[in-house]
């Protein structure tokens, strides 16, 4: 699974991890029963504090996305897929609503906002790394 952290996007790093795990479950990249990477392994891979990863994993556990398996780590719960699909939609709706509201408050018309959105969809189509994207050859597996 591919994780991507952007320290400058205004979303807490632990929250980015939570969102990416939920999106991966919603997309079927992480399947029920599949283990998440260990806190230490993910912290090293992302070059972040292990406490940040632990906080994300604790939130995922409290939200019912993952369950601890004694001696193995955290695994995706059997019933997590639907709740992650709902969460993904809610997260994205909120982010899109925020961007549209900002554009409208900034003086753009609804028509101009619509054009901007359509232009971005066309420009980004197929050119975005997703949670299901294969790792690049230079990244350790």
C-alpha atoms as a PDB file:
ATOM      1  CA  UNK A   1       0.000   0.000   0.000  1.00  0.00           C
ATOM      2  CA  UNK A   2       1.192   3.468  -0.873  1.00  0.00           C
ATOM      3  CA  UNK A   3       1.150   6.186   1.806  1.00  0.00           C
ATOM      4  CA  UNK A   4       1.832   9.797   0.939  1.00  0.00           C
ATOM      5  CA  UNK A   5       2.296  12.452   3.609  1.00  0.00           C
ATOM      6  CA  UNK A   6       2.170  16.167   2.862  1.00  0.00           C
ATOM      7  CA  UNK A   7       3.252  18.186   5.900  1.00  0.00           C
ATOM      8  CA  UNK A   8       2.147  21.433   4.239  1.00  0.00           C
ATOM      9  CA  UNK A   9      -1.471  20.661   3.314  1.00  0.00           C
ATOM     10  CA  UNK A  10      -3.038  21.767   6.601  1.00  0.00           C
ATOM     11  CA  UNK A  11      -4.212  18.300   7.624  1.00  0.00           C
ATOM     12  CA  UNK A  12      -2.499  16.708  10.608  1.00  0.00           C
ATOM     13  CA  UNK A  13      -0.143  13.898   9.624  1.00  0.00           C
ATOM     14  CA  UNK A  14      -1.937  11.332  11.789  1.00  0.00           C
ATOM     15  CA  UNK A  15      -5.231  12.341  10.120  1.00  0.00           C
ATOM     16  CA  UNK A  16      -3.668  11.868   6.679  1.00  0.00           C
ATOM     17  CA  UNK A  17      -2.748   8.311   7.679  1.00  0.00           C
ATOM     18  CA  UNK A  18      -6.275   7.670   8.995  1.00  0.00           C
ATOM     19  CA  UNK A  19      -7.814   8.972   5.775  1.00  0.00           C
ATOM     20  CA  UNK A  20      -5.493   6.971   3.553  1.00  0.00           C
ATOM     21  CA  UNK A  21      -6.217   3.751   5.422  1.00  0.00           C
ATOM     22  CA  UNK A  22      -9.970   4.409   5.162  1.00  0.00           C
ATOM     23  CA  UNK A  23      -9.657   5.184   1.451  1.00  0.00           C
ATOM     24  CA  UNK A  24      -7.609   2.014   0.908  1.00  0.00           C
ATOM     25  CA  UNK A  25     -10.251  -0.071   2.688  1.00  0.00           C
ATOM     26  CA  UNK A  26     -13.015   1.641   0.701  1.00  0.00           C
ATOM     27  CA  UNK A  27     -11.149   0.926  -2.561  1.00  0.00           C
ATOM     28  CA  UNK A  28     -10.437  -2.693  -1.682  1.00  0.00           C
ATOM     29  CA  UNK A  29      -6.675  -2.128  -1.539  1.00  0.00           C
ATOM     30  CA  UNK A  30      -6.782  -3.159   2.117  1.00  0.00           C
ATOM     31  CA  UNK A  31      -9.172  -6.055   2.622  1.00  0.00           C
ATOM     32  CA  UNK A  32     -10.801  -7.411   5.760  1.00  0.00           C
ATOM     33  CA  UNK A  33      -8.296  -9.434   7.768  1.00  0.00           C
ATOM     34  CA  UNK A  34      -5.270  -7.794   6.158  1.00  0.00           C
ATOM     35  CA  UNK A  35      -2.633  -6.539   8.577  1.00  0.00           C
ATOM     36  CA  UNK A  36      -1.490  -2.917   8.616  1.00  0.00           C
ATOM     37  CA  UNK A  37       2.242  -2.248   8.688  1.00  0.00           C
ATOM     38  CA  UNK A  38       3.679  -2.011  12.196  1.00  0.00           C
ATOM     39  CA  UNK A  39       3.913   1.394  13.840  1.00  0.00           C
ATOM     40  CA  UNK A  40       7.691   1.272  13.658  1.00  0.00           C
ATOM     41  CA  UNK A  41       7.851   0.142  10.017  1.00  0.00           C
ATOM     42  CA  UNK A  42       5.418   2.797   8.842  1.00  0.00           C
ATOM     43  CA  UNK A  43       7.117   5.534  10.880  1.00  0.00           C
ATOM     44  CA  UNK A  44      10.476   4.657   9.325  1.00  0.00           C
ATOM     45  CA  UNK A  45       9.017   4.464   5.816  1.00  0.00           C
ATOM     46  CA  UNK A  46       7.315   7.861   6.165  1.00  0.00           C
ATOM     47  CA  UNK A  47      10.161   9.409   8.202  1.00  0.00           C
ATOM     48  CA  UNK A  48       7.778  10.521  10.939  1.00  0.00           C
ATOM     49  CA  UNK A  49       7.512  10.073  14.689  1.00  0.00           C
ATOM     50  CA  UNK A  50       6.208   6.628  15.719  1.00  0.00           C
ATOM     51  CA  UNK A  51       3.823   8.370  18.148  1.00  0.00           C
ATOM     52  CA  UNK A  52       2.113   9.983  15.146  1.00  0.00           C
ATOM     53  CA  UNK A  53       1.521   6.586  13.545  1.00  0.00           C
ATOM     54  CA  UNK A  54       0.383   5.152  16.887  1.00  0.00           C
ATOM     55  CA  UNK A  55      -2.135   8.004  17.241  1.00  0.00           C
ATOM     56  CA  UNK A  56      -3.507   7.289  13.753  1.00  0.00           C
ATOM     57  CA  UNK A  57      -3.764   3.572  14.468  1.00  0.00           C
ATOM     58  CA  UNK A  58      -5.481   4.255  17.805  1.00  0.00           C
ATOM     59  CA  UNK A  59      -8.061   6.430  16.025  1.00  0.00           C
ATOM     60  CA  UNK A  60      -8.640   3.741  13.385  1.00  0.00           C
ATOM     61  CA  UNK A  61      -9.145   1.222  16.165  1.00  0.00           C
ATOM     62  CA  UNK A  62     -11.557   3.451  18.103  1.00  0.00           C
ATOM     63  CA  UNK A  63     -13.539   4.112  14.899  1.00  0.00           C
ATOM     64  CA  UNK A  64     -13.914   0.393  14.263  1.00  0.00           C
ATOM     65  CA  UNK A  65     -11.788   0.224  11.115  1.00  0.00           C
ATOM     66  CA  UNK A  66      -9.112  -2.080  12.533  1.00  0.00           C
ATOM     67  CA  UNK A  67      -8.928  -4.605  15.323  1.00  0.00           C
ATOM     68  CA  UNK A  68      -5.854  -5.797  17.250  1.00  0.00           C
ATOM     69  CA  UNK A  69      -4.804  -9.404  16.722  1.00  0.00           C
ATOM     70  CA  UNK A  70      -2.752 -10.645  19.641  1.00  0.00           C
ATOM     71  CA  UNK A  71       0.854 -11.093  18.626  1.00  0.00           C
ATOM     72  CA  UNK A  72       0.241 -10.024  15.028  1.00  0.00           C
ATOM     73  CA  UNK A  73      -0.735  -6.359  14.927  1.00  0.00           C
ATOM     74  CA  UNK A  74      -3.755  -4.501  13.606  1.00  0.00           C
ATOM     75  CA  UNK A  75      -6.012  -6.016  10.967  1.00  0.00           C
ATOM     76  CA  UNK A  76      -8.848  -4.518   8.953  1.00  0.00           C
ATOM     77  CA  UNK A  77     -12.170  -5.464  10.522  1.00  0.00           C
ATOM     78  CA  UNK A  78     -14.557  -7.637   8.543  1.00  0.00           C
ATOM     79  CA  UNK A  79     -17.268  -4.970   8.690  1.00  0.00           C
ATOM     80  CA  UNK A  80     -15.065  -1.947   7.891  1.00  0.00           C
ATOM     81  CA  UNK A  81     -15.568  -1.666   4.124  1.00  0.00           C
ATOM     82  CA  UNK A  82     -18.989  -0.007   4.102  1.00  0.00           C
ATOM     83  CA  UNK A  83     -18.164   2.426   6.916  1.00  0.00           C
ATOM     84  CA  UNK A  84     -14.947   3.398   5.110  1.00  0.00           C
ATOM     85  CA  UNK A  85     -16.875   4.035   1.892  1.00  0.00           C
ATOM     86  CA  UNK A  86     -19.247   6.324   3.785  1.00  0.00           C
ATOM     87  CA  UNK A  87     -16.331   8.078   5.524  1.00  0.00           C
ATOM     88  CA  UNK A  88     -14.490   8.561   2.223  1.00  0.00           C
ATOM     89  CA  UNK A  89     -17.533  10.202   0.671  1.00  0.00           C
ATOM     90  CA  UNK A  90     -18.054  12.472   3.696  1.00  0.00           C
ATOM     91  CA  UNK A  91     -14.397  13.525   3.793  1.00  0.00           C
ATOM     92  CA  UNK A  92     -14.346  14.334   0.095  1.00  0.00           C
ATOM     93  CA  UNK A  93     -17.690  16.136   0.140  1.00  0.00           C
ATOM     94  CA  UNK A  94     -16.434  18.329   2.969  1.00  0.00           C
ATOM     95  CA  UNK A  95     -13.161  19.164   1.196  1.00  0.00           C
ATOM     96  CA  UNK A  96     -14.924  19.926  -2.087  1.00  0.00           C
ATOM     97  CA  UNK A  97     -17.554  22.042  -0.328  1.00  0.00           C
ATOM     98  CA  UNK A  98     -14.800  24.024   1.416  1.00  0.00           C
ATOM     99  CA  UNK A  99     -12.964  24.701  -1.861  1.00  0.00           C
ATOM    100  CA  UNK A 100     -16.149  25.719  -3.675  1.00  0.00           C
ATOM    101  CA  UNK A 101     -17.214  27.981  -0.814  1.00  0.00           C
ATOM    102  CA  UNK A 102     -13.791  29.645  -0.814  1.00  0.00           C
ATOM    103  CA  UNK A 103     -13.996  30.211  -4.572  1.00  0.00           C
ATOM    104  CA  UNK A 104     -17.475  31.701  -4.335  1.00  0.00           C
ATOM    105  CA  UNK A 105     -16.456  33.924  -1.407  1.00  0.00           C
ATOM    106  CA  UNK A 106     -13.448  34.954  -3.483  1.00  0.00           C
ATOM    107  CA  UNK A 107     -15.737  36.420  -6.109  1.00  0.00           C
ATOM    108  CA  UNK A 108     -15.891  33.684  -8.723  1.00  0.00           C
ATOM    109  CA  UNK A 109     -19.252  32.890 -10.245  1.00  0.00           C
ATOM    110  CA  UNK A 110     -20.778  29.419 -10.075  1.00  0.00           C
ATOM    111  CA  UNK A 111     -20.063  29.089 -13.790  1.00  0.00           C
ATOM    112  CA  UNK A 112     -16.368  29.950 -13.274  1.00  0.00           C
ATOM    113  CA  UNK A 113     -16.099  27.470 -10.385  1.00  0.00           C
ATOM    114  CA  UNK A 114     -17.738  24.758 -12.484  1.00  0.00           C
ATOM    115  CA  UNK A 115     -15.251  25.431 -15.292  1.00  0.00           C
ATOM    116  CA  UNK A 116     -12.313  25.284 -12.851  1.00  0.00           C
ATOM    117  CA  UNK A 117     -13.498  21.965 -11.469  1.00  0.00           C
ATOM    118  CA  UNK A 118     -14.029  20.455 -14.912  1.00  0.00           C
ATOM    119  CA  UNK A 119     -10.627  21.718 -16.080  1.00  0.00           C
ATOM    120  CA  UNK A 120      -8.930  20.137 -13.055  1.00  0.00           C
ATOM    121  CA  UNK A 121     -10.715  16.838 -13.537  1.00  0.00           C
ATOM    122  CA  UNK A 122      -9.583  16.757 -17.158  1.00  0.00           C
ATOM    123  CA  UNK A 123      -6.003  17.745 -16.280  1.00  0.00           C
ATOM    124  CA  UNK A 124      -5.667  15.236 -13.424  1.00  0.00           C
ATOM    125  CA  UNK A 125      -7.439  12.298 -15.045  1.00  0.00           C
ATOM    126  CA  UNK A 126      -5.073   9.363 -14.841  1.00  0.00           C
ATOM    127  CA  UNK A 127      -2.196  11.477 -13.519  1.00  0.00           C
ATOM    128  CA  UNK A 128      -2.696  11.074  -9.777  1.00  0.00           C
ATOM    129  CA  UNK A 129      -0.972   8.604  -7.511  1.00  0.00           C
ATOM    130  CA  UNK A 130      -3.608   6.736  -5.508  1.00  0.00           C
ATOM    131  CA  UNK A 131      -3.528   4.428  -2.527  1.00  0.00           C
ATOM    132  CA  UNK A 132      -3.717   1.547  -4.993  1.00  0.00           C
ATOM    133  CA  UNK A 133      -0.844   2.742  -7.171  1.00  0.00           C
ATOM    134  CA  UNK A 134       2.060   0.317  -7.382  1.00  0.00           C
ATOM    135  CA  UNK A 135       5.223   1.278  -5.572  1.00  0.00           C
ATOM    136  CA  UNK A 136       7.985   2.743  -7.659  1.00  0.00           C
ATOM    137  CA  UNK A 137      10.948   0.470  -8.247  1.00  0.00           C
ATOM    138  CA  UNK A 138      13.213   2.601  -6.050  1.00  0.00           C
ATOM    139  CA  UNK A 139      10.979   2.279  -2.979  1.00  0.00           C
ATOM    140  CA  UNK A 140      11.656  -0.605  -0.609  1.00  0.00           C
ATOM    141  CA  UNK A 141       8.791  -3.060  -0.328  1.00  0.00           C
END
